Amino acid sequence: MSRPLVVSIPHTLGREAALRRIRDGIGQIRARYAGQMSVLDENWTGDRLDFRIMALRQTVSGSIEVAETVVTVSVVLPLFLSVLAEKAKALIQKSGQLMLEKK
């Protein structure tokens, strides 16, 4: 098992607004990538989501923690997918920023 890939995404929305946007955004991501991944487990506890997905026949686990000024995404990639870590990090960063930008 590899080290977790951790992405911190700062925001100025406050915890509640950020949490709403993350919840809505996850649904959009799930729909957009339905052909490439499937959700095995998704559990919200307060402001934290723990998840497991299947991507490219590999199980990926992680969490999303929503705080007052930052959202932290932590993903554990199996060895097979760890070669995609930098691309995954960039995708998480970009998607998170789009979800959390002021509108």
PDB file of N, CA and C in Angstrom:
ATOM      1  N   MET A   1       0.846  -1.174   0.000  1.00  0.00           N
ATOM      2  CA  MET A   1       0.000   0.000   0.000  1.00  0.00           C
ATOM      3  C   MET A   1       0.890   1.235   0.000  1.00  0.00           C
ATOM      4  N   SER A   2       0.489   2.228  -0.744  1.00  0.00           N
ATOM      5  CA  SER A   2       1.282   3.447  -0.848  1.00  0.00           C
ATOM      6  C   SER A   2       0.853   4.480   0.189  1.00  0.00           C
ATOM      7  N   ARG A   3       1.658   5.550   0.278  1.00  0.00           N
ATOM      8  CA  ARG A   3       1.326   6.661   1.167  1.00  0.00           C
ATOM      9  C   ARG A   3       0.092   7.365   0.645  1.00  0.00           C
ATOM     10  N   PRO A   4      -0.694   7.964   1.542  1.00  0.00           N
ATOM     11  CA  PRO A   4      -1.860   8.711   1.068  1.00  0.00           C
ATOM     12  C   PRO A   4      -1.440   9.932   0.247  1.00  0.00           C
ATOM     13  N   LEU A   5      -2.208  10.209  -0.748  1.00  0.00           N
ATOM     14  CA  LEU A   5      -2.077  11.420  -1.543  1.00  0.00           C
ATOM     15  C   LEU A   5      -2.985  12.442  -0.862  1.00  0.00           C
ATOM     16  N   VAL A   6      -2.426  13.552  -0.411  1.00  0.00           N
ATOM     17  CA  VAL A   6      -3.196  14.545   0.337  1.00  0.00           C
ATOM     18  C   VAL A   6      -3.223  15.856  -0.434  1.00  0.00           C
ATOM     19  N   VAL A   7      -4.434  16.376  -0.622  1.00  0.00           N
ATOM     20  CA  VAL A   7      -4.627  17.644  -1.308  1.00  0.00           C
ATOM     21  C   VAL A   7      -5.436  18.555  -0.391  1.00  0.00           C
ATOM     22  N   SER A   8      -4.901  19.743  -0.123  1.00  0.00           N
ATOM     23  CA  SER A   8      -5.611  20.745   0.671  1.00  0.00           C
ATOM     24  C   SER A   8      -6.098  21.846  -0.258  1.00  0.00           C
ATOM     25  N   ILE A   9      -7.389  22.130  -0.168  1.00  0.00           N
ATOM     26  CA  ILE A   9      -7.994  23.131  -1.041  1.00  0.00           C
ATOM     27  C   ILE A   9      -8.567  24.244  -0.158  1.00  0.00           C
ATOM     28  N   PRO A  10      -7.916  25.401  -0.136  1.00  0.00           N
ATOM     29  CA  PRO A  10      -8.413  26.506   0.685  1.00  0.00           C
ATOM     30  C   PRO A  10      -9.688  27.116   0.090  1.00  0.00           C
ATOM     31  N   HIS A  11     -10.517  27.679   0.971  1.00  0.00           N
ATOM     32  CA  HIS A  11     -11.739  28.343   0.511  1.00  0.00           C
ATOM     33  C   HIS A  11     -12.128  29.435   1.502  1.00  0.00           C
ATOM     34  N   THR A  12     -13.058  30.278   1.087  1.00  0.00           N
ATOM     35  CA  THR A  12     -13.538  31.374   1.943  1.00  0.00           C
ATOM     36  C   THR A  12     -15.047  31.292   2.144  1.00  0.00           C
ATOM     37  N   LEU A  13     -15.624  30.118   1.963  1.00  0.00           N
ATOM     38  CA  LEU A  13     -17.076  29.936   2.017  1.00  0.00           C
ATOM     39  C   LEU A  13     -17.627  29.691   3.416  1.00  0.00           C
ATOM     40  N   GLY A  14     -16.785  29.256   4.327  1.00  0.00           N
ATOM     41  CA  GLY A  14     -17.277  28.763   5.617  1.00  0.00           C
ATOM     42  C   GLY A  14     -17.607  27.286   5.489  1.00  0.00           C
ATOM     43  N   ARG A  15     -17.674  26.625   6.630  1.00  0.00           N
ATOM     44  CA  ARG A  15     -17.847  25.165   6.658  1.00  0.00           C
ATOM     45  C   ARG A  15     -19.158  24.709   6.006  1.00  0.00           C
ATOM     46  N   GLU A  16     -20.275  25.313   6.361  1.00  0.00           N
ATOM     47  CA  GLU A  16     -21.583  24.848   5.879  1.00  0.00           C
ATOM     48  C   GLU A  16     -21.729  24.990   4.362  1.00  0.00           C
ATOM     49  N   ALA A  17     -21.363  26.149   3.828  1.00  0.00           N
ATOM     50  CA  ALA A  17     -21.471  26.354   2.376  1.00  0.00           C
ATOM     51  C   ALA A  17     -20.513  25.426   1.628  1.00  0.00           C
ATOM     52  N   ALA A  18     -19.313  25.260   2.145  1.00  0.00           N
ATOM     53  CA  ALA A  18     -18.341  24.358   1.506  1.00  0.00           C
ATOM     54  C   ALA A  18     -18.856  22.925   1.530  1.00  0.00           C
ATOM     55  N   LEU A  19     -19.438  22.523   2.638  1.00  0.00           N
ATOM     56  CA  LEU A  19     -19.972  21.167   2.764  1.00  0.00           C
ATOM     57  C   LEU A  19     -21.092  20.935   1.745  1.00  0.00           C
ATOM     58  N   ARG A  20     -21.989  21.902   1.581  1.00  0.00           N
ATOM     59  CA  ARG A  20     -23.065  21.777   0.586  1.00  0.00           C
ATOM     60  C   ARG A  20     -22.489  21.629  -0.824  1.00  0.00           C
ATOM     61  N   ARG A  21     -21.506  22.439  -1.134  1.00  0.00           N
ATOM     62  CA  ARG A  21     -20.917  22.379  -2.481  1.00  0.00           C
ATOM     63  C   ARG A  21     -20.188  21.061  -2.725  1.00  0.00           C
ATOM     64  N   ILE A  22     -19.483  20.584  -1.719  1.00  0.00           N
ATOM     65  CA  ILE A  22     -18.776  19.300  -1.856  1.00  0.00           C
ATOM     66  C   ILE A  22     -19.776  18.171  -2.061  1.00  0.00           C
ATOM     67  N   ARG A  23     -20.833  18.138  -1.256  1.00  0.00           N
ATOM     68  CA  ARG A  23     -21.857  17.085  -1.416  1.00  0.00           C
ATOM     69  C   ARG A  23     -22.467  17.120  -2.818  1.00  0.00           C
ATOM     70  N   ASP A  24     -22.831  18.311  -3.293  1.00  0.00           N
ATOM     71  CA  ASP A  24     -23.396  18.439  -4.643  1.00  0.00           C
ATOM     72  C   ASP A  24     -22.368  18.059  -5.706  1.00  0.00           C
ATOM     73  N   GLY A  25     -21.139  18.508  -5.532  1.00  0.00           N
ATOM     74  CA  GLY A  25     -20.077  18.240  -6.497  1.00  0.00           C
ATOM     75  C   GLY A  25     -19.734  16.768  -6.620  1.00  0.00           C
ATOM     76  N   ILE A  26     -19.805  16.056  -5.510  1.00  0.00           N
ATOM     77  CA  ILE A  26     -19.519  14.617  -5.543  1.00  0.00           C
ATOM     78  C   ILE A  26     -20.527  13.899  -6.426  1.00  0.00           C
ATOM     79  N   GLY A  27     -21.779  14.304  -6.353  1.00  0.00           N
ATOM     80  CA  GLY A  27     -22.801  13.710  -7.212  1.00  0.00           C
ATOM     81  C   GLY A  27     -22.503  13.952  -8.686  1.00  0.00           C
ATOM     82  N   GLN A  28     -22.039  15.147  -9.004  1.00  0.00           N
ATOM     83  CA  GLN A  28     -21.695  15.470 -10.393  1.00  0.00           C
ATOM     84  C   GLN A  28     -20.483  14.667 -10.865  1.00  0.00           C
ATOM     85  N   ILE A  29     -19.498  14.532  -9.993  1.00  0.00           N
ATOM     86  CA  ILE A  29     -18.306  13.745 -10.344  1.00  0.00           C
ATOM     87  C   ILE A  29     -18.679  12.286 -10.554  1.00  0.00           C
ATOM     88  N   ARG A  30     -19.526  11.766  -9.668  1.00  0.00           N
ATOM     89  CA  ARG A  30     -19.964  10.372  -9.799  1.00  0.00           C
ATOM     90  C   ARG A  30     -20.633  10.151 -11.153  1.00  0.00           C
ATOM     91  N   ALA A  31     -21.480  11.092 -11.583  1.00  0.00           N
ATOM     92  CA  ALA A  31     -22.166  10.969 -12.872  1.00  0.00           C
ATOM     93  C   ALA A  31     -21.184  11.101 -14.036  1.00  0.00           C
ATOM     94  N   ARG A  32     -20.253  12.052 -13.941  1.00  0.00           N
ATOM     95  CA  ARG A  32     -19.292  12.309 -15.022  1.00  0.00           C
ATOM     96  C   ARG A  32     -18.376  11.110 -15.254  1.00  0.00           C
ATOM     97  N   TYR A  33     -17.971  10.434 -14.187  1.00  0.00           N
ATOM     98  CA  TYR A  33     -17.003   9.336 -14.309  1.00  0.00           C
ATOM     99  C   TYR A  33     -17.639   7.958 -14.090  1.00  0.00           C
ATOM    100  N   ALA A  34     -18.931   7.850 -14.330  1.00  0.00           N
ATOM    101  CA  ALA A  34     -19.646   6.584 -14.095  1.00  0.00           C
ATOM    102  C   ALA A  34     -19.044   5.419 -14.875  1.00  0.00           C
ATOM    103  N   GLY A  35     -18.521   5.668 -16.053  1.00  0.00           N
ATOM    104  CA  GLY A  35     -17.937   4.596 -16.858  1.00  0.00           C
ATOM    105  C   GLY A  35     -16.559   4.157 -16.399  1.00  0.00           C
ATOM    106  N   GLN A  36     -15.861   5.009 -15.647  1.00  0.00           N
ATOM    107  CA  GLN A  36     -14.501   4.699 -15.214  1.00  0.00           C
ATOM    108  C   GLN A  36     -14.411   4.239 -13.762  1.00  0.00           C
ATOM    109  N   MET A  37     -15.458   4.527 -12.971  1.00  0.00           N
ATOM    110  CA  MET A  37     -15.389   4.156 -11.558  1.00  0.00           C
ATOM    111  C   MET A  37     -16.768   3.829 -11.018  1.00  0.00           C
ATOM    112  N   SER A  38     -16.770   3.068  -9.942  1.00  0.00           N
ATOM    113  CA  SER A  38     -18.019   2.796  -9.232  1.00  0.00           C
ATOM    114  C   SER A  38     -17.772   2.964  -7.738  1.00  0.00           C
ATOM    115  N   VAL A  39     -18.777   3.477  -7.050  1.00  0.00           N
ATOM    116  CA  VAL A  39     -18.666   3.717  -5.617  1.00  0.00           C
ATOM    117  C   VAL A  39     -18.985   2.415  -4.880  1.00  0.00           C
ATOM    118  N   LEU A  40     -18.042   1.970  -4.064  1.00  0.00           N
ATOM    119  CA  LEU A  40     -18.242   0.765  -3.263  1.00  0.00           C
ATOM    120  C   LEU A  40     -18.824   1.099  -1.897  1.00  0.00           C
ATOM    121  N   ASP A  41     -18.369   2.227  -1.334  1.00  0.00           N
ATOM    122  CA  ASP A  41     -18.811   2.615   0.003  1.00  0.00           C
ATOM    123  C   ASP A  41     -18.669   4.125   0.135  1.00  0.00           C
ATOM    124  N   GLU A  42     -19.649   4.747   0.775  1.00  0.00           N
ATOM    125  CA  GLU A  42     -19.638   6.189   0.975  1.00  0.00           C
ATOM    126  C   GLU A  42     -20.330   6.454   2.305  1.00  0.00           C
ATOM    127  N   ASN A  43     -19.597   7.030   3.264  1.00  0.00           N
ATOM    128  CA  ASN A  43     -20.156   7.235   4.597  1.00  0.00           C
ATOM    129  C   ASN A  43     -19.803   8.625   5.124  1.00  0.00           C
ATOM    130  N   TRP A  44     -20.826   9.473   5.276  1.00  0.00           N
ATOM    131  CA  TRP A  44     -20.633  10.802   5.855  1.00  0.00           C
ATOM    132  C   TRP A  44     -20.800  10.709   7.362  1.00  0.00           C
ATOM    133  N   THR A  45     -19.846  11.255   8.092  1.00  0.00           N
ATOM    134  CA  THR A  45     -19.927  11.405   9.541  1.00  0.00           C
ATOM    135  C   THR A  45     -19.616  12.861   9.836  1.00  0.00           C
ATOM    136  N   GLY A  46     -20.668  13.642  10.073  1.00  0.00           N
ATOM    137  CA  GLY A  46     -20.463  15.068  10.288  1.00  0.00           C
ATOM    138  C   GLY A  46     -19.910  15.718   9.033  1.00  0.00           C
ATOM    139  N   ASP A  47     -18.739  16.319   9.153  1.00  0.00           N
ATOM    140  CA  ASP A  47     -18.094  17.024   8.039  1.00  0.00           C
ATOM    141  C   ASP A  47     -17.052  16.172   7.330  1.00  0.00           C
ATOM    142  N   ARG A  48     -17.098  14.870   7.516  1.00  0.00           N
ATOM    143  CA  ARG A  48     -16.101  13.969   6.931  1.00  0.00           C
ATOM    144  C   ARG A  48     -16.789  12.879   6.119  1.00  0.00           C
ATOM    145  N   LEU A  49     -16.263  12.669   4.917  1.00  0.00           N
ATOM    146  CA  LEU A  49     -16.717  11.581   4.062  1.00  0.00           C
ATOM    147  C   LEU A  49     -15.603  10.556   3.958  1.00  0.00           C
ATOM    148  N   ASP A  50     -15.913   9.315   4.281  1.00  0.00           N
ATOM    149  CA  ASP A  50     -14.988   8.203   4.045  1.00  0.00           C
ATOM    150  C   ASP A  50     -15.561   7.426   2.864  1.00  0.00           C
ATOM    151  N   PHE A  51     -14.693   7.063   1.928  1.00  0.00           N
ATOM    152  CA  PHE A  51     -15.188   6.397   0.720  1.00  0.00           C
ATOM    153  C   PHE A  51     -14.231   5.314   0.248  1.00  0.00           C
ATOM    154  N   ARG A  52     -14.813   4.416  -0.562  1.00  0.00           N
ATOM    155  CA  ARG A  52     -14.048   3.418  -1.313  1.00  0.00           C
ATOM    156  C   ARG A  52     -14.668   3.365  -2.697  1.00  0.00           C
ATOM    157  N   ILE A  53     -13.820   3.419  -3.710  1.00  0.00           N
ATOM    158  CA  ILE A  53     -14.304   3.318  -5.080  1.00  0.00           C
ATOM    159  C   ILE A  53     -13.501   2.251  -5.819  1.00  0.00           C
ATOM    160  N   MET A  54     -14.063   1.793  -6.910  1.00  0.00           N
ATOM    161  CA  MET A  54     -13.364   0.868  -7.803  1.00  0.00           C
ATOM    162  C   MET A  54     -13.053   1.647  -9.073  1.00  0.00           C
ATOM    163  N   ALA A  55     -11.765   1.747  -9.403  1.00  0.00           N
ATOM    164  CA  ALA A  55     -11.332   2.442 -10.616  1.00  0.00           C
ATOM    165  C   ALA A  55     -10.275   1.588 -11.294  1.00  0.00           C
ATOM    166  N   LEU A  56     -10.462   1.321 -12.571  1.00  0.00           N
ATOM    167  CA  LEU A  56      -9.530   0.474 -13.330  1.00  0.00           C
ATOM    168  C   LEU A  56      -9.274  -0.864 -12.632  1.00  0.00           C
ATOM    169  N   ARG A  57     -10.342  -1.419 -12.094  1.00  0.00           N
ATOM    170  CA  ARG A  57     -10.314  -2.712 -11.384  1.00  0.00           C
ATOM    171  C   ARG A  57      -9.458  -2.688 -10.119  1.00  0.00           C
ATOM    172  N   GLN A  58      -9.242  -1.516  -9.581  1.00  0.00           N
ATOM    173  CA  GLN A  58      -8.462  -1.342  -8.358  1.00  0.00           C
ATOM    174  C   GLN A  58      -9.321  -0.621  -7.322  1.00  0.00           C
ATOM    175  N   THR A  59      -9.188  -1.006  -6.050  1.00  0.00           N
ATOM    176  CA  THR A  59      -9.919  -0.344  -4.979  1.00  0.00           C
ATOM    177  C   THR A  59      -9.116   0.843  -4.469  1.00  0.00           C
ATOM    178  N   VAL A  60      -9.759   1.980  -4.448  1.00  0.00           N
ATOM    179  CA  VAL A  60      -9.171   3.230  -3.975  1.00  0.00           C
ATOM    180  C   VAL A  60      -9.979   3.676  -2.770  1.00  0.00           C
ATOM    181  N   SER A  61      -9.298   4.024  -1.683  1.00  0.00           N
ATOM    182  CA  SER A  61     -10.014   4.498  -0.500  1.00  0.00           C
ATOM    183  C   SER A  61      -9.514   5.882  -0.129  1.00  0.00           C
ATOM    184  N   GLY A  62     -10.333   6.581   0.640  1.00  0.00           N
ATOM    185  CA  GLY A  62      -9.913   7.906   1.049  1.00  0.00           C
ATOM    186  C   GLY A  62     -10.949   8.610   1.890  1.00  0.00           C
ATOM    187  N   SER A  63     -10.681   9.895   2.112  1.00  0.00           N
ATOM    188  CA  SER A  63     -11.599  10.706   2.906  1.00  0.00           C
ATOM    189  C   SER A  63     -11.560  12.141   2.418  1.00  0.00           C
ATOM    190  N   ILE A  64     -12.629  12.849   2.741  1.00  0.00           N
ATOM    191  CA  ILE A  64     -12.718  14.281   2.494  1.00  0.00           C
ATOM    192  C   ILE A  64     -13.160  14.909   3.808  1.00  0.00           C
ATOM    193  N   GLU A  65     -12.377  15.873   4.291  1.00  0.00           N
ATOM    194  CA  GLU A  65     -12.728  16.583   5.513  1.00  0.00           C
ATOM    195  C   GLU A  65     -12.953  18.048   5.181  1.00  0.00           C
ATOM    196  N   VAL A  66     -14.122  18.554   5.568  1.00  0.00           N
ATOM    197  CA  VAL A  66     -14.488  19.939   5.285  1.00  0.00           C
ATOM    198  C   VAL A  66     -14.332  20.744   6.568  1.00  0.00           C
ATOM    199  N   ALA A  67     -13.487  21.756   6.519  1.00  0.00           N
ATOM    200  CA  ALA A  67     -13.271  22.646   7.662  1.00  0.00           C
ATOM    201  C   ALA A  67     -13.671  24.068   7.266  1.00  0.00           C
ATOM    202  N   GLU A  68     -13.569  24.981   8.187  1.00  0.00           N
ATOM    203  CA  GLU A  68     -14.002  26.366   7.979  1.00  0.00           C
ATOM    204  C   GLU A  68     -13.310  27.049   6.806  1.00  0.00           C
ATOM    205  N   THR A  69     -12.008  26.782   6.601  1.00  0.00           N
ATOM    206  CA  THR A  69     -11.266  27.483   5.543  1.00  0.00           C
ATOM    207  C   THR A  69     -10.514  26.557   4.587  1.00  0.00           C
ATOM    208  N   VAL A  70     -10.657  25.259   4.760  1.00  0.00           N
ATOM    209  CA  VAL A  70      -9.934  24.327   3.891  1.00  0.00           C
ATOM    210  C   VAL A  70     -10.696  22.999   3.802  1.00  0.00           C
ATOM    211  N   VAL A  71     -10.615  22.394   2.619  1.00  0.00           N
ATOM    212  CA  VAL A  71     -11.112  21.032   2.420  1.00  0.00           C
ATOM    213  C   VAL A  71      -9.888  20.167   2.166  1.00  0.00           C
ATOM    214  N   THR A  72      -9.773  19.083   2.919  1.00  0.00           N
ATOM    215  CA  THR A  72      -8.632  18.187   2.780  1.00  0.00           C
ATOM    216  C   THR A  72      -9.099  16.853   2.213  1.00  0.00           C
ATOM    217  N   VAL A  73      -8.511  16.483   1.089  1.00  0.00           N
ATOM    218  CA  VAL A  73      -8.826  15.218   0.429  1.00  0.00           C
ATOM    219  C   VAL A  73      -7.615  14.312   0.592  1.00  0.00           C
ATOM    220  N   SER A  74      -7.845  13.130   1.127  1.00  0.00           N
ATOM    221  CA  SER A  74      -6.783  12.146   1.312  1.00  0.00           C
ATOM    222  C   SER A  74      -7.192  10.866   0.573  1.00  0.00           C
ATOM    223  N   VAL A  75      -6.319  10.395  -0.323  1.00  0.00           N
ATOM    224  CA  VAL A  75      -6.627   9.226  -1.146  1.00  0.00           C
ATOM    225  C   VAL A  75      -5.465   8.249  -1.071  1.00  0.00           C
ATOM    226  N   VAL A  76      -5.797   6.992  -0.848  1.00  0.00           N
ATOM    227  CA  VAL A  76      -4.780   5.941  -0.859  1.00  0.00           C
ATOM    228  C   VAL A  76      -4.931   5.168  -2.167  1.00  0.00           C
ATOM    229  N   LEU A  77      -3.925   5.306  -3.010  1.00  0.00           N
ATOM    230  CA  LEU A  77      -3.920   4.618  -4.296  1.00  0.00           C
ATOM    231  C   LEU A  77      -3.179   3.296  -4.177  1.00  0.00           C
ATOM    232  N   PRO A  78      -3.726   2.234  -4.743  1.00  0.00           N
ATOM    233  CA  PRO A  78      -2.967   0.979  -4.767  1.00  0.00           C
ATOM    234  C   PRO A  78      -1.733   1.157  -5.642  1.00  0.00           C
ATOM    235  N   LEU A  79      -0.765   0.300  -5.446  1.00  0.00           N
ATOM    236  CA  LEU A  79       0.504   0.401  -6.161  1.00  0.00           C
ATOM    237  C   LEU A  79       0.307   0.544  -7.675  1.00  0.00           C
ATOM    238  N   PHE A  80      -0.607  -0.216  -8.232  1.00  0.00           N
ATOM    239  CA  PHE A  80      -0.867  -0.178  -9.671  1.00  0.00           C
ATOM    240  C   PHE A  80      -1.251   1.225 -10.150  1.00  0.00           C
ATOM    241  N   LEU A  81      -2.009   1.957  -9.326  1.00  0.00           N
ATOM    242  CA  LEU A  81      -2.467   3.293  -9.709  1.00  0.00           C
ATOM    243  C   LEU A  81      -1.563   4.416  -9.206  1.00  0.00           C
ATOM    244  N   SER A  82      -0.578   4.089  -8.399  1.00  0.00           N
ATOM    245  CA  SER A  82       0.278   5.131  -7.826  1.00  0.00           C
ATOM    246  C   SER A  82       1.074   5.888  -8.896  1.00  0.00           C
ATOM    247  N   VAL A  83       1.256   5.282 -10.061  1.00  0.00           N
ATOM    248  CA  VAL A  83       1.937   5.981 -11.153  1.00  0.00           C
ATOM    249  C   VAL A  83       1.110   7.160 -11.663  1.00  0.00           C
ATOM    250  N   LEU A  84      -0.177   7.167 -11.332  1.00  0.00           N
ATOM    251  CA  LEU A  84      -1.068   8.245 -11.748  1.00  0.00           C
ATOM    252  C   LEU A  84      -1.262   9.290 -10.652  1.00  0.00           C
ATOM    253  N   ALA A  85      -0.456   9.229  -9.603  1.00  0.00           N
ATOM    254  CA  ALA A  85      -0.649  10.084  -8.435  1.00  0.00           C
ATOM    255  C   ALA A  85      -0.629  11.567  -8.769  1.00  0.00           C
ATOM    256  N   GLU A  86       0.310  12.012  -9.561  1.00  0.00           N
ATOM    257  CA  GLU A  86       0.396  13.447  -9.876  1.00  0.00           C
ATOM    258  C   GLU A  86      -0.799  13.910 -10.711  1.00  0.00           C
ATOM    259  N   LYS A  87      -1.231  13.069 -11.645  1.00  0.00           N
ATOM    260  CA  LYS A  87      -2.417  13.413 -12.433  1.00  0.00           C
ATOM    261  C   LYS A  87      -3.655  13.439 -11.552  1.00  0.00           C
ATOM    262  N   ALA A  88      -3.749  12.467 -10.642  1.00  0.00           N
ATOM    263  CA  ALA A  88      -4.884  12.433  -9.715  1.00  0.00           C
ATOM    264  C   ALA A  88      -4.888  13.664  -8.821  1.00  0.00           C
ATOM    265  N   LYS A  89      -3.715  14.049  -8.328  1.00  0.00           N
ATOM    266  CA  LYS A  89      -3.604  15.228  -7.461  1.00  0.00           C
ATOM    267  C   LYS A  89      -4.061  16.480  -8.203  1.00  0.00           C
ATOM    268  N   ALA A  90      -3.620  16.650  -9.437  1.00  0.00           N
ATOM    269  CA  ALA A  90      -4.011  17.818 -10.229  1.00  0.00           C
ATOM    270  C   ALA A  90      -5.518  17.831 -10.492  1.00  0.00           C
ATOM    271  N   LEU A  91      -6.095  16.680 -10.783  1.00  0.00           N
ATOM    272  CA  LEU A  91      -7.530  16.582 -11.036  1.00  0.00           C
ATOM    273  C   LEU A  91      -8.329  16.910  -9.776  1.00  0.00           C
ATOM    274  N   ILE A  92      -7.896  16.383  -8.637  1.00  0.00           N
ATOM    275  CA  ILE A  92      -8.572  16.663  -7.361  1.00  0.00           C
ATOM    276  C   ILE A  92      -8.492  18.155  -7.054  1.00  0.00           C
ATOM    277  N   GLN A  93      -7.309  18.743  -7.217  1.00  0.00           N
ATOM    278  CA  GLN A  93      -7.110  20.173  -6.937  1.00  0.00           C
ATOM    279  C   GLN A  93      -8.018  21.024  -7.821  1.00  0.00           C
ATOM    280  N   LYS A  94      -8.025  20.751  -9.117  1.00  0.00           N
ATOM    281  CA  LYS A  94      -8.825  21.540 -10.052  1.00  0.00           C
ATOM    282  C   LYS A  94     -10.317  21.377  -9.778  1.00  0.00           C
ATOM    283  N   SER A  95     -10.778  20.145  -9.599  1.00  0.00           N
ATOM    284  CA  SER A  95     -12.200  19.902  -9.339  1.00  0.00           C
ATOM    285  C   SER A  95     -12.642  20.563  -8.040  1.00  0.00           C
ATOM    286  N   GLY A  96     -11.807  20.444  -7.017  1.00  0.00           N
ATOM    287  CA  GLY A  96     -12.130  21.053  -5.728  1.00  0.00           C
ATOM    288  C   GLY A  96     -12.199  22.565  -5.812  1.00  0.00           C
ATOM    289  N   GLN A  97     -11.272  23.169  -6.496  1.00  0.00           N
ATOM    290  CA  GLN A  97     -11.285  24.626  -6.646  1.00  0.00           C
ATOM    291  C   GLN A  97     -12.521  25.095  -7.399  1.00  0.00           C
ATOM    292  N   LEU A  98     -12.912  24.362  -8.432  1.00  0.00           N
ATOM    293  CA  LEU A  98     -14.118  24.736  -9.176  1.00  0.00           C
ATOM    294  C   LEU A  98     -15.359  24.646  -8.294  1.00  0.00           C
ATOM    295  N   MET A  99     -15.436  23.630  -7.452  1.00  0.00           N
ATOM    296  CA  MET A  99     -16.576  23.479  -6.556  1.00  0.00           C
ATOM    297  C   MET A  99     -16.647  24.578  -5.510  1.00  0.00           C
ATOM    298  N   LEU A 100     -15.478  25.034  -5.054  1.00  0.00           N
ATOM    299  CA  LEU A 100     -15.416  25.940  -3.919  1.00  0.00           C
ATOM    300  C   LEU A 100     -15.206  27.411  -4.264  1.00  0.00           C
ATOM    301  N   GLU A 101     -15.089  27.742  -5.548  1.00  0.00           N
ATOM    302  CA  GLU A 101     -14.863  29.146  -5.880  1.00  0.00           C
ATOM    303  C   GLU A 101     -16.131  29.950  -5.619  1.00  0.00           C
ATOM    304  N   LYS A 102     -15.939  31.193  -5.197  1.00  0.00           N
ATOM    305  CA  LYS A 102     -17.067  32.096  -4.921  1.00  0.00           C
ATOM    306  C   LYS A 102     -17.808  32.387  -6.213  1.00  0.00           C
ATOM    307  N   LYS A 103     -19.119  32.361  -6.113  1.00  0.00           N
ATOM    308  CA  LYS A 103     -19.953  32.647  -7.289  1.00  0.00           C
ATOM    309  C   LYS A 103     -20.918  33.750  -6.958  1.00  0.00           C
TER     310      LYS A 103
END
